[in-house]
PDB file of N, CA and C in Angstrom:
ATOM      1  N   UNK A   1      -2.710  14.296  -2.174  1.00  0.00           N
ATOM      2  CA  UNK A   1      -2.318  13.796  -0.743  1.00  0.00           C
ATOM      3  C   UNK A   1      -1.792  12.929  -1.442  1.00  0.00           C
ATOM      4  N   UNK A   2      -1.757  12.268  -2.560  1.00  0.00           N
ATOM      5  CA  UNK A   2      -0.897  11.136  -3.618  1.00  0.00           C
ATOM      6  C   UNK A   2       0.080  11.498  -4.201  1.00  0.00           C
ATOM      7  N   UNK A   3       0.447  12.791  -4.658  1.00  0.00           N
ATOM      8  CA  UNK A   3       1.073  13.233  -5.796  1.00  0.00           C
ATOM      9  C   UNK A   3       2.670  12.839  -5.827  1.00  0.00           C
ATOM     10  N   UNK A   4       3.427  12.760  -4.674  1.00  0.00           N
ATOM     11  CA  UNK A   4       4.252  11.933  -4.885  1.00  0.00           C
ATOM     12  C   UNK A   4       4.597  10.519  -5.635  1.00  0.00           C
ATOM     13  N   UNK A   5       3.592   9.357  -5.617  1.00  0.00           N
ATOM     14  CA  UNK A   5       3.804   8.154  -6.368  1.00  0.00           C
ATOM     15  C   UNK A   5       2.908   8.661  -7.505  1.00  0.00           C
ATOM     16  N   UNK A   6       2.104   9.090  -7.735  1.00  0.00           N
ATOM     17  CA  UNK A   6       0.500   9.353  -8.520  1.00  0.00           C
ATOM     18  C   UNK A   6       1.819  10.373  -9.753  1.00  0.00           C
ATOM     19  N   UNK A   7       2.442  10.531  -9.327  1.00  0.00           N
ATOM     20  CA  UNK A   7       3.314  11.598 -11.078  1.00  0.00           C
ATOM     21  C   UNK A   7       4.108  10.837 -11.530  1.00  0.00           C
ATOM     22  N   UNK A   8       4.243   9.559 -10.634  1.00  0.00           N
ATOM     23  CA  UNK A   8       5.409   9.034 -11.648  1.00  0.00           C
ATOM     24  C   UNK A   8       5.191   8.666 -12.938  1.00  0.00           C
ATOM     25  N   UNK A   9       5.944   8.547 -14.183  1.00  0.00           N
ATOM     26  CA  UNK A   9       5.161   7.578 -14.962  1.00  0.00           C
ATOM     27  C   UNK A   9       4.573   6.584 -15.244  1.00  0.00           C
ATOM     28  N   UNK A  10       4.113   5.950 -15.195  1.00  0.00           N
ATOM     29  CA  UNK A  10       3.424   4.367 -15.579  1.00  0.00           C
ATOM     30  C   UNK A  10       2.970   3.950 -13.795  1.00  0.00           C
ATOM     31  N   UNK A  11       2.572   5.017 -13.150  1.00  0.00           N
ATOM     32  CA  UNK A  11       2.009   4.763 -11.925  1.00  0.00           C
ATOM     33  C   UNK A  11       0.563   4.580 -12.742  1.00  0.00           C
ATOM     34  N   UNK A  12      -0.681   3.886 -12.177  1.00  0.00           N
ATOM     35  CA  UNK A  12      -2.058   3.895 -12.601  1.00  0.00           C
ATOM     36  C   UNK A  12      -3.111   4.158 -11.970  1.00  0.00           C
ATOM     37  N   UNK A  13      -2.520   3.991 -10.312  1.00  0.00           N
ATOM     38  CA  UNK A  13      -3.423   3.534  -9.542  1.00  0.00           C
ATOM     39  C   UNK A  13      -2.793   3.563  -7.875  1.00  0.00           C
ATOM     40  N   UNK A  14      -3.399   4.682  -7.166  1.00  0.00           N
ATOM     41  CA  UNK A  14      -2.623   4.295  -5.282  1.00  0.00           C
ATOM     42  C   UNK A  14      -3.779   4.462  -4.272  1.00  0.00           C
ATOM     43  N   UNK A  15      -3.299   3.548  -3.840  1.00  0.00           N
ATOM     44  CA  UNK A  15      -4.765   3.780  -2.487  1.00  0.00           C
ATOM     45  C   UNK A  15      -3.463   3.894  -1.197  1.00  0.00           C
ATOM     46  N   UNK A  16      -4.356   4.578  -0.164  1.00  0.00           N
ATOM     47  CA  UNK A  16      -4.100   4.824   0.950  1.00  0.00           C
ATOM     48  C   UNK A  16      -5.039   3.772   2.007  1.00  0.00           C
ATOM     49  N   UNK A  17      -4.625   2.802   2.630  1.00  0.00           N
ATOM     50  CA  UNK A  17      -5.497   1.780   3.448  1.00  0.00           C
ATOM     51  C   UNK A  17      -5.210   1.722   4.853  1.00  0.00           C
ATOM     52  N   UNK A  18      -6.621   1.759   5.739  1.00  0.00           N
ATOM     53  CA  UNK A  18      -6.058   1.212   7.264  1.00  0.00           C
ATOM     54  C   UNK A  18      -5.711  -1.148   7.214  1.00  0.00           C
ATOM     55  N   UNK A  19      -4.789  -0.900   8.101  1.00  0.00           N
ATOM     56  CA  UNK A  19      -4.540  -2.699   8.007  1.00  0.00           C
ATOM     57  C   UNK A  19      -5.885  -3.650   7.400  1.00  0.00           C
ATOM     58  N   UNK A  20      -6.911  -2.832   8.311  1.00  0.00           N
ATOM     59  CA  UNK A  20      -7.953  -3.961   8.223  1.00  0.00           C
ATOM     60  C   UNK A  20      -8.392  -3.878   6.464  1.00  0.00           C
ATOM     61  N   UNK A  21      -7.933  -3.193   5.731  1.00  0.00           N
ATOM     62  CA  UNK A  21      -8.806  -2.771   4.207  1.00  0.00           C
ATOM     63  C   UNK A  21      -9.242  -1.580   4.348  1.00  0.00           C
ATOM     64  N   UNK A  22     -10.052  -0.497   4.845  1.00  0.00           N
ATOM     65  CA  UNK A  22     -10.369   0.607   4.333  1.00  0.00           C
ATOM     66  C   UNK A  22      -9.838   1.012   3.470  1.00  0.00           C
ATOM     67  N   UNK A  23     -10.538   1.958   2.677  1.00  0.00           N
ATOM     68  CA  UNK A  23     -10.073   3.029   2.256  1.00  0.00           C
ATOM     69  C   UNK A  23      -9.422   4.159   3.271  1.00  0.00           C
ATOM     70  N   UNK A  24      -8.244   4.090   3.150  1.00  0.00           N
ATOM     71  CA  UNK A  24      -8.036   6.111   3.893  1.00  0.00           C
ATOM     72  C   UNK A  24      -8.445   7.724   2.637  1.00  0.00           C
ATOM     73  N   UNK A  25      -7.357   6.873   1.686  1.00  0.00           N
ATOM     74  CA  UNK A  25      -7.186   7.836   0.404  1.00  0.00           C
ATOM     75  C   UNK A  25      -6.994   7.064  -0.898  1.00  0.00           C
ATOM     76  N   UNK A  26      -7.633   7.797  -1.755  1.00  0.00           N
ATOM     77  CA  UNK A  26      -7.197   6.692  -3.329  1.00  0.00           C
ATOM     78  C   UNK A  26      -6.744   8.267  -4.611  1.00  0.00           C
ATOM     79  N   UNK A  27      -5.912   7.519  -5.805  1.00  0.00           N
ATOM     80  CA  UNK A  27      -5.893   8.470  -6.776  1.00  0.00           C
ATOM     81  C   UNK A  27      -7.696   8.693  -7.177  1.00  0.00           C
ATOM     82  N   UNK A  28      -7.518   9.894  -7.730  1.00  0.00           N
ATOM     83  CA  UNK A  28      -8.881  10.485  -8.714  1.00  0.00           C
ATOM     84  C   UNK A  28      -9.174   9.268  -9.737  1.00  0.00           C
ATOM     85  N   UNK A  29      -8.710   8.814 -10.301  1.00  0.00           N
ATOM     86  CA  UNK A  29      -8.983   7.962 -11.219  1.00  0.00           C
ATOM     87  C   UNK A  29      -9.026   6.896 -10.924  1.00  0.00           C
ATOM     88  N   UNK A  30      -8.967   6.290  -9.820  1.00  0.00           N
ATOM     89  CA  UNK A  30      -9.769   4.539  -9.415  1.00  0.00           C
ATOM     90  C   UNK A  30     -11.261   4.934  -8.371  1.00  0.00           C
ATOM     91  N   UNK A  31     -12.008   4.288  -9.344  1.00  0.00           N
ATOM     92  CA  UNK A  31     -13.276   4.438  -8.667  1.00  0.00           C
ATOM     93  C   UNK A  31     -13.285   3.721  -7.672  1.00  0.00           C
ATOM     94  N   UNK A  32     -14.223   4.578  -6.944  1.00  0.00           N
ATOM     95  CA  UNK A  32     -14.279   3.848  -4.910  1.00  0.00           C
ATOM     96  C   UNK A  32     -14.876   2.119  -5.135  1.00  0.00           C
ATOM     97  N   UNK A  33     -15.882   1.740  -5.658  1.00  0.00           N
ATOM     98  CA  UNK A  33     -15.529  -0.248  -5.904  1.00  0.00           C
ATOM     99  C   UNK A  33     -13.578  -1.030  -5.991  1.00  0.00           C
ATOM    100  N   UNK A  34     -13.191  -0.108  -7.120  1.00  0.00           N
ATOM    101  CA  UNK A  34     -12.063  -0.732  -7.361  1.00  0.00           C
ATOM    102  C   UNK A  34     -11.385  -0.516  -5.986  1.00  0.00           C
ATOM    103  N   UNK A  35     -11.281   0.888  -5.963  1.00  0.00           N
ATOM    104  CA  UNK A  35     -10.445   1.085  -4.392  1.00  0.00           C
ATOM    105  C   UNK A  35     -10.784   0.179  -3.637  1.00  0.00           C
ATOM    106  N   UNK A  36     -11.765  -0.256  -3.118  1.00  0.00           N
ATOM    107  CA  UNK A  36     -11.892  -0.904  -1.845  1.00  0.00           C
ATOM    108  C   UNK A  36     -11.286  -2.870  -2.184  1.00  0.00           C
ATOM    109  N   UNK A  37     -11.779  -2.983  -3.240  1.00  0.00           N
ATOM    110  CA  UNK A  37     -11.330  -4.566  -3.988  1.00  0.00           C
ATOM    111  C   UNK A  37      -9.921  -4.691  -3.827  1.00  0.00           C
ATOM    112  N   UNK A  38      -8.910  -3.118  -4.377  1.00  0.00           N
ATOM    113  CA  UNK A  38      -7.424  -3.026  -4.129  1.00  0.00           C
ATOM    114  C   UNK A  38      -6.870  -3.231  -2.565  1.00  0.00           C
ATOM    115  N   UNK A  39      -7.806  -2.282  -1.957  1.00  0.00           N
ATOM    116  CA  UNK A  39      -7.797  -2.104  -0.382  1.00  0.00           C
ATOM    117  C   UNK A  39      -8.350  -3.648   0.432  1.00  0.00           C
ATOM    118  N   UNK A  40      -9.136  -4.104   0.267  1.00  0.00           N
ATOM    119  CA  UNK A  40      -8.809  -5.801   0.662  1.00  0.00           C
ATOM    120  C   UNK A  40      -8.222  -6.354   0.311  1.00  0.00           C
ATOM    121  N   UNK A  41      -7.786  -6.740  -0.727  1.00  0.00           N
ATOM    122  CA  UNK A  41      -6.641  -7.691  -1.782  1.00  0.00           C
ATOM    123  C   UNK A  41      -5.372  -6.852  -1.082  1.00  0.00           C
ATOM    124  N   UNK A  42      -5.232  -6.033  -1.111  1.00  0.00           N
ATOM    125  CA  UNK A  42      -3.332  -5.735  -0.145  1.00  0.00           C
ATOM    126  C   UNK A  42      -3.317  -5.696   1.636  1.00  0.00           C
ATOM    127  N   UNK A  43      -4.649  -5.372   1.945  1.00  0.00           N
ATOM    128  CA  UNK A  43      -4.430  -5.855   4.129  1.00  0.00           C
ATOM    129  C   UNK A  43      -4.536  -7.219   3.645  1.00  0.00           C
ATOM    130  N   UNK A  44      -4.739  -8.126   2.810  1.00  0.00           N
ATOM    131  CA  UNK A  44      -4.443 -10.144   2.853  1.00  0.00           C
ATOM    132  C   UNK A  44      -3.154 -10.023   2.760  1.00  0.00           C
ATOM    133  N   UNK A  45      -2.629  -9.491   1.375  1.00  0.00           N
ATOM    134  CA  UNK A  45      -1.389  -9.706   1.166  1.00  0.00           C
ATOM    135  C   UNK A  45      -0.487  -8.882   2.433  1.00  0.00           C
ATOM    136  N   UNK A  46      -0.427  -8.123   2.702  1.00  0.00           N
ATOM    137  CA  UNK A  46       0.105  -7.293   4.019  1.00  0.00           C
ATOM    138  C   UNK A  46      -0.313  -8.283   5.031  1.00  0.00           C
ATOM    139  N   UNK A  47      -0.957  -8.768   5.718  1.00  0.00           N
ATOM    140  CA  UNK A  47      -1.068  -9.998   6.810  1.00  0.00           C
ATOM    141  C   UNK A  47      -0.403 -11.417   6.189  1.00  0.00           C
ATOM    142  N   UNK A  48      -0.110 -11.570   5.455  1.00  0.00           N
ATOM    143  CA  UNK A  48       0.232 -12.905   4.873  1.00  0.00           C
ATOM    144  C   UNK A  48       2.051 -12.152   4.780  1.00  0.00           C
ATOM    145  N   UNK A  49       2.286 -11.835   3.831  1.00  0.00           N
ATOM    146  CA  UNK A  49       3.493 -11.275   4.365  1.00  0.00           C
ATOM    147  C   UNK A  49       4.398 -10.795   6.208  1.00  0.00           C
ATOM    148  N   UNK A  50       4.249  -9.954   6.462  1.00  0.00           N
ATOM    149  CA  UNK A  50       4.025  -9.721   7.811  1.00  0.00           C
ATOM    150  C   UNK A  50       4.147 -11.559   8.877  1.00  0.00           C
ATOM    151  N   UNK A  51       3.419 -12.394   8.395  1.00  0.00           N
ATOM    152  CA  UNK A  51       3.773 -13.596   9.114  1.00  0.00           C
ATOM    153  C   UNK A  51       4.485 -14.193   8.305  1.00  0.00           C
ATOM    154  N   UNK A  52       4.397 -14.419   7.526  1.00  0.00           N
ATOM    155  CA  UNK A  52       5.871 -15.080   6.958  1.00  0.00           C
ATOM    156  C   UNK A  52       7.174 -14.565   7.433  1.00  0.00           C
ATOM    157  N   UNK A  53       7.265 -12.917   6.895  1.00  0.00           N
ATOM    158  CA  UNK A  53       8.587 -12.570   7.645  1.00  0.00           C
ATOM    159  C   UNK A  53       9.075 -12.693   9.273  1.00  0.00           C
ATOM    160  N   UNK A  54       7.693 -12.903  10.056  1.00  0.00           N
ATOM    161  CA  UNK A  54       7.677 -13.084  11.481  1.00  0.00           C
ATOM    162  C   UNK A  54       8.500 -14.845  11.322  1.00  0.00           C
ATOM    163  N   UNK A  55       7.840 -15.668  10.616  1.00  0.00           N
ATOM    164  CA  UNK A  55       7.923 -17.095  10.809  1.00  0.00           C
ATOM    165  C   UNK A  55       9.555 -17.003   9.854  1.00  0.00           C
ATOM    166  N   UNK A  56       9.991 -16.786   9.145  1.00  0.00           N
ATOM    167  CA  UNK A  56      11.266 -16.786   8.043  1.00  0.00           C
ATOM    168  C   UNK A  56      12.122 -15.718   8.056  1.00  0.00           C
ATOM    169  N   UNK A  57      12.052 -14.756   8.337  1.00  0.00           N
ATOM    170  CA  UNK A  57      12.628 -13.220   8.632  1.00  0.00           C
ATOM    171  C   UNK A  57      13.585 -12.993   9.361  1.00  0.00           C
ATOM    172  N   UNK A  58      13.723 -12.097   9.280  1.00  0.00           N
ATOM    173  CA  UNK A  58      14.827 -11.578  10.830  1.00  0.00           C
ATOM    174  C   UNK A  58      14.269 -10.470  10.996  1.00  0.00           C
ATOM    175  N   UNK A  59      12.775 -10.036  10.866  1.00  0.00           N
ATOM    176  CA  UNK A  59      12.250  -8.463  11.725  1.00  0.00           C
ATOM    177  C   UNK A  59      11.212  -8.460  10.774  1.00  0.00           C
ATOM    178  N   UNK A  60      10.121  -7.233  10.701  1.00  0.00           N
ATOM    179  CA  UNK A  60       9.532  -6.465   9.935  1.00  0.00           C
ATOM    180  C   UNK A  60       9.223  -6.723   8.704  1.00  0.00           C
ATOM    181  N   UNK A  61       8.377  -6.646   8.248  1.00  0.00           N
ATOM    182  CA  UNK A  61       7.980  -6.496   6.306  1.00  0.00           C
ATOM    183  C   UNK A  61       8.404  -5.393   6.268  1.00  0.00           C
ATOM    184  N   UNK A  62       9.537  -5.139   4.837  1.00  0.00           N
ATOM    185  CA  UNK A  62       9.206  -4.078   4.582  1.00  0.00           C
ATOM    186  C   UNK A  62       8.412  -3.815   3.325  1.00  0.00           C
ATOM    187  N   UNK A  63       8.401  -4.751   2.239  1.00  0.00           N
ATOM    188  CA  UNK A  63       7.286  -4.031   1.446  1.00  0.00           C
ATOM    189  C   UNK A  63       7.012  -5.460   0.277  1.00  0.00           C
ATOM    190  N   UNK A  64       6.472  -5.734  -0.186  1.00  0.00           N
ATOM    191  CA  UNK A  64       5.803  -6.644  -1.428  1.00  0.00           C
ATOM    192  C   UNK A  64       5.712  -6.154  -3.013  1.00  0.00           C
ATOM    193  N   UNK A  65       6.053  -6.439  -3.612  1.00  0.00           N
ATOM    194  CA  UNK A  65       6.420  -6.710  -5.078  1.00  0.00           C
ATOM    195  C   UNK A  65       5.408  -8.035  -5.595  1.00  0.00           C
ATOM    196  N   UNK A  66       4.340  -7.674  -6.504  1.00  0.00           N
ATOM    197  CA  UNK A  66       3.846  -8.692  -7.192  1.00  0.00           C
ATOM    198  C   UNK A  66       3.536  -8.409  -8.654  1.00  0.00           C
ATOM    199  N   UNK A  67       4.295  -9.049  -9.934  1.00  0.00           N
ATOM    200  CA  UNK A  67       4.177  -8.834 -10.648  1.00  0.00           C
ATOM    201  C   UNK A  67       3.093  -9.727 -11.593  1.00  0.00           C
ATOM    202  N   UNK A  68       2.644  -8.752 -12.764  1.00  0.00           N
ATOM    203  CA  UNK A  68       1.630 -10.183 -13.341  1.00  0.00           C
ATOM    204  C   UNK A  68       1.745  -9.531 -14.622  1.00  0.00           C
ATOM    205  N   UNK A  69       1.064  -9.943 -15.723  1.00  0.00           N
ATOM    206  CA  UNK A  69       1.421  -9.226 -16.831  1.00  0.00           C
ATOM    207  C   UNK A  69       1.181  -7.814 -17.289  1.00  0.00           C
ATOM    208  N   UNK A  70       2.247  -7.493 -18.323  1.00  0.00           N
ATOM    209  CA  UNK A  70       1.340  -5.806 -17.555  1.00  0.00           C
ATOM    210  C   UNK A  70       1.390  -5.088 -16.842  1.00  0.00           C
ATOM    211  N   UNK A  71       2.189  -5.395 -15.482  1.00  0.00           N
ATOM    212  CA  UNK A  71       1.771  -4.464 -14.849  1.00  0.00           C
ATOM    213  C   UNK A  71       2.390  -4.919 -13.375  1.00  0.00           C
ATOM    214  N   UNK A  72       2.725  -3.992 -12.439  1.00  0.00           N
ATOM    215  CA  UNK A  72       2.597  -4.222 -10.614  1.00  0.00           C
ATOM    216  C   UNK A  72       2.106  -3.957  -9.596  1.00  0.00           C
ATOM    217  N   UNK A  73       1.932  -4.834  -8.819  1.00  0.00           N
ATOM    218  CA  UNK A  73       1.525  -4.048  -6.690  1.00  0.00           C
ATOM    219  C   UNK A  73       2.892  -3.613  -6.374  1.00  0.00           C
ATOM    220  N   UNK A  74       2.473  -2.860  -5.642  1.00  0.00           N
ATOM    221  CA  UNK A  74       3.655  -2.581  -5.001  1.00  0.00           C
ATOM    222  C   UNK A  74       3.265  -1.899  -3.378  1.00  0.00           C
ATOM    223  N   UNK A  75       3.129  -2.602  -2.400  1.00  0.00           N
ATOM    224  CA  UNK A  75       2.722  -2.419  -1.491  1.00  0.00           C
ATOM    225  C   UNK A  75       3.636  -1.985  -0.090  1.00  0.00           C
ATOM    226  N   UNK A  76       3.501  -1.363   0.982  1.00  0.00           N
ATOM    227  CA  UNK A  76       4.339  -1.130   1.828  1.00  0.00           C
ATOM    228  C   UNK A  76       3.962   0.281   3.217  1.00  0.00           C
ATOM    229  N   UNK A  77       4.286  -0.041   4.141  1.00  0.00           N
ATOM    230  CA  UNK A  77       3.572   0.216   5.087  1.00  0.00           C
ATOM    231  C   UNK A  77       3.934   1.742   5.253  1.00  0.00           C
ATOM    232  N   UNK A  78       2.815   2.475   5.717  1.00  0.00           N
ATOM    233  CA  UNK A  78       2.662   4.187   5.618  1.00  0.00           C
ATOM    234  C   UNK A  78       2.535   4.694   7.069  1.00  0.00           C
ATOM    235  N   UNK A  79       2.598   4.195   7.434  1.00  0.00           N
ATOM    236  CA  UNK A  79       2.505   4.757   9.173  1.00  0.00           C
ATOM    237  C   UNK A  79       1.730   3.725  10.289  1.00  0.00           C
ATOM    238  N   UNK A  80       1.618   4.149  11.136  1.00  0.00           N
ATOM    239  CA  UNK A  80       0.884   3.280  12.319  1.00  0.00           C
ATOM    240  C   UNK A  80      -0.760   2.554  11.707  1.00  0.00           C
ATOM    241  N   UNK A  81      -0.229   1.485  11.246  1.00  0.00           N
ATOM    242  CA  UNK A  81      -1.304   0.799  10.674  1.00  0.00           C
ATOM    243  C   UNK A  81      -1.969   1.420   9.790  1.00  0.00           C
ATOM    244  N   UNK A  82      -1.424   1.844   8.916  1.00  0.00           N
ATOM    245  CA  UNK A  82      -1.486   2.239   7.394  1.00  0.00           C
ATOM    246  C   UNK A  82      -1.055   1.469   6.299  1.00  0.00           C
ATOM    247  N   UNK A  83      -1.131   0.937   4.874  1.00  0.00           N
ATOM    248  CA  UNK A  83      -0.357   0.419   4.357  1.00  0.00           C
ATOM    249  C   UNK A  83      -0.899   1.562   2.628  1.00  0.00           C
ATOM    250  N   UNK A  84       0.471   2.014   1.996  1.00  0.00           N
ATOM    251  CA  UNK A  84       0.270   2.523   0.357  1.00  0.00           C
ATOM    252  C   UNK A  84       0.631   1.250  -0.474  1.00  0.00           C
ATOM    253  N   UNK A  85      -0.242   1.425  -1.260  1.00  0.00           N
ATOM    254  CA  UNK A  85      -0.589   0.139  -2.049  1.00  0.00           C
ATOM    255  C   UNK A  85      -0.282   1.237  -3.760  1.00  0.00           C
ATOM    256  N   UNK A  86       0.455   0.957  -4.713  1.00  0.00           N
ATOM    257  CA  UNK A  86       0.415   1.201  -6.263  1.00  0.00           C
ATOM    258  C   UNK A  86       0.530   0.400  -6.933  1.00  0.00           C
ATOM    259  N   UNK A  87      -0.164   0.556  -7.912  1.00  0.00           N
ATOM    260  CA  UNK A  87      -0.216  -0.360  -8.777  1.00  0.00           C
ATOM    261  C   UNK A  87       0.461   0.570 -10.608  1.00  0.00           C
ATOM    262  N   UNK A  88       1.006  -0.262 -11.096  1.00  0.00           N
ATOM    263  CA  UNK A  88       1.491   0.707 -12.340  1.00  0.00           C
ATOM    264  C   UNK A  88       1.984  -0.512 -13.423  1.00  0.00           C
ATOM    265  N   UNK A  89       2.124   0.300 -14.651  1.00  0.00           N
ATOM    266  CA  UNK A  89       2.268  -0.437 -15.777  1.00  0.00           C
ATOM    267  C   UNK A  89       3.698  -1.703 -15.543  1.00  0.00           C
ATOM    268  N   UNK A  90       3.966  -1.994 -16.868  1.00  0.00           N
ATOM    269  CA  UNK A  90       5.136  -2.930 -16.610  1.00  0.00           C
ATOM    270  C   UNK A  90       6.036  -2.396 -16.960  1.00  0.00           C
ATOM    271  N   UNK A  91       6.053  -1.034 -17.429  1.00  0.00           N
ATOM    272  CA  UNK A  91       7.355   0.029 -17.391  1.00  0.00           C
ATOM    273  C   UNK A  91       7.620   0.688 -17.096  1.00  0.00           C
ATOM    274  N   UNK A  92       7.790   0.055 -16.065  1.00  0.00           N
ATOM    275  CA  UNK A  92       8.150   1.075 -15.063  1.00  0.00           C
ATOM    276  C   UNK A  92       9.445   0.702 -14.331  1.00  0.00           C
ATOM    277  N   UNK A  93      10.211   1.725 -13.674  1.00  0.00           N
ATOM    278  CA  UNK A  93      12.042   1.055 -12.787  1.00  0.00           C
ATOM    279  C   UNK A  93      11.103   0.947 -11.651  1.00  0.00           C
ATOM    280  N   UNK A  94      11.139  -0.365 -10.718  1.00  0.00           N
ATOM    281  CA  UNK A  94      10.327  -0.818  -9.797  1.00  0.00           C
ATOM    282  C   UNK A  94      11.587  -0.167  -8.495  1.00  0.00           C
ATOM    283  N   UNK A  95      12.502   0.314  -8.636  1.00  0.00           N
ATOM    284  CA  UNK A  95      13.689   0.929  -8.026  1.00  0.00           C
ATOM    285  C   UNK A  95      13.194   2.661  -7.853  1.00  0.00           C
ATOM    286  N   UNK A  96      13.291   3.104  -8.227  1.00  0.00           N
ATOM    287  CA  UNK A  96      12.274   4.474  -8.523  1.00  0.00           C
ATOM    288  C   UNK A  96      10.926   4.340  -8.313  1.00  0.00           C
ATOM    289  N   UNK A  97      10.150   3.347  -8.297  1.00  0.00           N
ATOM    290  CA  UNK A  97       8.718   3.522  -8.158  1.00  0.00           C
ATOM    291  C   UNK A  97       9.026   3.269  -5.918  1.00  0.00           C
ATOM    292  N   UNK A  98       9.618   2.168  -5.964  1.00  0.00           N
ATOM    293  CA  UNK A  98      10.142   2.427  -4.255  1.00  0.00           C
ATOM    294  C   UNK A  98      10.554   3.322  -3.754  1.00  0.00           C
ATOM    295  N   UNK A  99      11.476   3.664  -4.147  1.00  0.00           N
ATOM    296  CA  UNK A  99      11.773   5.297  -3.526  1.00  0.00           C
ATOM    297  C   UNK A  99      10.550   6.426  -3.847  1.00  0.00           C
ATOM    298  N   UNK A 100       9.924   6.247  -4.416  1.00  0.00           N
ATOM    299  CA  UNK A 100       9.115   7.507  -4.576  1.00  0.00           C
ATOM    300  C   UNK A 100       7.966   7.506  -3.882  1.00  0.00           C
ATOM    301  N   UNK A 101       8.064   5.801  -3.189  1.00  0.00           N
ATOM    302  CA  UNK A 101       6.653   5.377  -2.021  1.00  0.00           C
ATOM    303  C   UNK A 101       7.191   5.611  -0.862  1.00  0.00           C
ATOM    304  N   UNK A 102       8.661   5.377  -0.679  1.00  0.00           N
ATOM    305  CA  UNK A 102       9.828   6.430   0.495  1.00  0.00           C
ATOM    306  C   UNK A 102       9.142   7.558   0.961  1.00  0.00           C
ATOM    307  N   UNK A 103       9.382   8.049   0.092  1.00  0.00           N
ATOM    308  CA  UNK A 103       8.966   8.979  -0.059  1.00  0.00           C
ATOM    309  C   UNK A 103       7.680   9.924   0.312  1.00  0.00           C
ATOM    310  N   UNK A 104       7.061   9.429  -0.237  1.00  0.00           N
ATOM    311  CA  UNK A 104       5.445   9.605   0.110  1.00  0.00           C
ATOM    312  C   UNK A 104       5.424   9.408   1.560  1.00  0.00           C
ATOM    313  N   UNK A 105       5.311   8.250   2.096  1.00  0.00           N
ATOM    314  CA  UNK A 105       5.075   7.279   3.249  1.00  0.00           C
ATOM    315  C   UNK A 105       5.495   8.212   4.463  1.00  0.00           C
ATOM    316  N   UNK A 106       6.735   8.894   4.004  1.00  0.00           N
ATOM    317  CA  UNK A 106       7.413  10.396   4.957  1.00  0.00           C
ATOM    318  C   UNK A 106       6.841  11.446   4.969  1.00  0.00           C
ATOM    319  N   UNK A 107       6.209  11.757   3.861  1.00  0.00           N
ATOM    320  CA  UNK A 107       5.201  12.811   3.845  1.00  0.00           C
ATOM    321  C   UNK A 107       4.013  13.100   4.142  1.00  0.00           C
ATOM    322  N   UNK A 108       3.640  11.455   4.324  1.00  0.00           N
ATOM    323  CA  UNK A 108       1.756  11.218   5.425  1.00  0.00           C
ATOM    324  C   UNK A 108       2.888  11.805   6.937  1.00  0.00           C
ATOM    325  N   UNK A 109       3.929  11.377   7.336  1.00  0.00           N
ATOM    326  CA  UNK A 109       3.660  11.198   8.600  1.00  0.00           C
ATOM    327  C   UNK A 109       2.968  10.636   9.530  1.00  0.00           C
ATOM    328  N   UNK A 110       3.349  10.941  10.557  1.00  0.00           N
ATOM    329  CA  UNK A 110       2.262  10.435  11.667  1.00  0.00           C
ATOM    330  C   UNK A 110       0.679  10.490  11.458  1.00  0.00           C
ATOM    331  N   UNK A 111       0.649  11.718  10.816  1.00  0.00           N
ATOM    332  CA  UNK A 111      -0.924  11.807  11.103  1.00  0.00           C
ATOM    333  C   UNK A 111      -2.304  11.522   9.778  1.00  0.00           C
ATOM    334  N   UNK A 112      -1.246  10.333   9.166  1.00  0.00           N
ATOM    335  CA  UNK A 112      -1.826   9.367   8.479  1.00  0.00           C
ATOM    336  C   UNK A 112      -2.280   8.797   9.435  1.00  0.00           C
ATOM    337  N   UNK A 113      -1.713   7.666  10.365  1.00  0.00           N
ATOM    338  CA  UNK A 113      -1.983   6.417  10.778  1.00  0.00           C
ATOM    339  C   UNK A 113      -2.920   6.185  11.395  1.00  0.00           C
ATOM    340  N   UNK A 114      -3.457   4.981  11.416  1.00  0.00           N
ATOM    341  CA  UNK A 114      -4.618   4.462  11.271  1.00  0.00           C
ATOM    342  C   UNK A 114      -4.529   3.642  12.051  1.00  0.00           C
ATOM    343  N   UNK A 115      -4.607   3.536  13.339  1.00  0.00           N
ATOM    344  CA  UNK A 115      -4.741   2.179  14.584  1.00  0.00           C
ATOM    345  C   UNK A 115      -5.360   0.945  14.157  1.00  0.00           C
ATOM    346  N   UNK A 116      -5.956   0.320  14.795  1.00  0.00           N
ATOM    347  CA  UNK A 116      -6.519  -1.197  14.302  1.00  0.00           C
ATOM    348  C   UNK A 116      -8.019  -0.544  14.371  1.00  0.00           C
ATOM    349  N   UNK A 117      -8.948  -1.708  14.382  1.00  0.00           N
ATOM    350  CA  UNK A 117     -10.356  -0.526  14.776  1.00  0.00           C
ATOM    351  C   UNK A 117     -10.330  -2.195  15.975  1.00  0.00           C
ATOM    352  N   UNK A 118     -10.748  -1.469  16.947  1.00  0.00           N
ATOM    353  CA  UNK A 118     -11.226  -2.658  18.617  1.00  0.00           C
ATOM    354  C   UNK A 118     -12.194  -2.887  18.231  1.00  0.00           C
ATOM    355  N   UNK A 119     -12.007  -4.564  18.750  1.00  0.00           N
ATOM    356  CA  UNK A 119     -13.059  -5.174  19.282  1.00  0.00           C
ATOM    357  C   UNK A 119     -14.217  -5.123  20.450  1.00  0.00           C
ATOM    358  N   UNK A 120     -15.166  -4.333  20.031  1.00  0.00           N
ATOM    359  CA  UNK A 120     -15.914  -4.558  21.074  1.00  0.00           C
ATOM    360  C   UNK A 120     -16.066  -5.624  21.873  1.00  0.00           C
ATOM    361  N   UNK A 121     -16.296  -5.165  23.391  1.00  0.00           N
ATOM    362  CA  UNK A 121     -17.042  -6.465  24.072  1.00  0.00           C
ATOM    363  C   UNK A 121     -18.672  -7.089  24.550  1.00  0.00           C
ATOM    364  N   UNK A 122     -18.719  -8.095  24.209  1.00  0.00           N
ATOM    365  CA  UNK A 122     -20.165  -8.353  24.039  1.00  0.00           C
ATOM    366  C   UNK A 122     -20.446  -9.075  25.220  1.00  0.00           C
TER     367      UNK A 122
END
């Protein structure tokens, strides 16, 4: 399911998550606890980015890129309510990763959408 990005040299992990941070899919080499951590952090970053884009931008958020010593996190929307997060080494071309993420998201189509959970009225 994540082969478009997972097969790119330098990609270490990938997760599809819901807007509220639940793991929907993950690469095989990523344990569930690590996937949960990545999904929760990515959901928080996405929320922050959407807020900032609304305040200072000209429209919706396109993508995030976070760089740290030794690697990157790339994050973008992946359908209605879903997100795609990709962890890479620092030996990747960010443009190639971004392009492959777009292709991966297009392959997901609308079937991968994950609308936000509704709050129950009590």
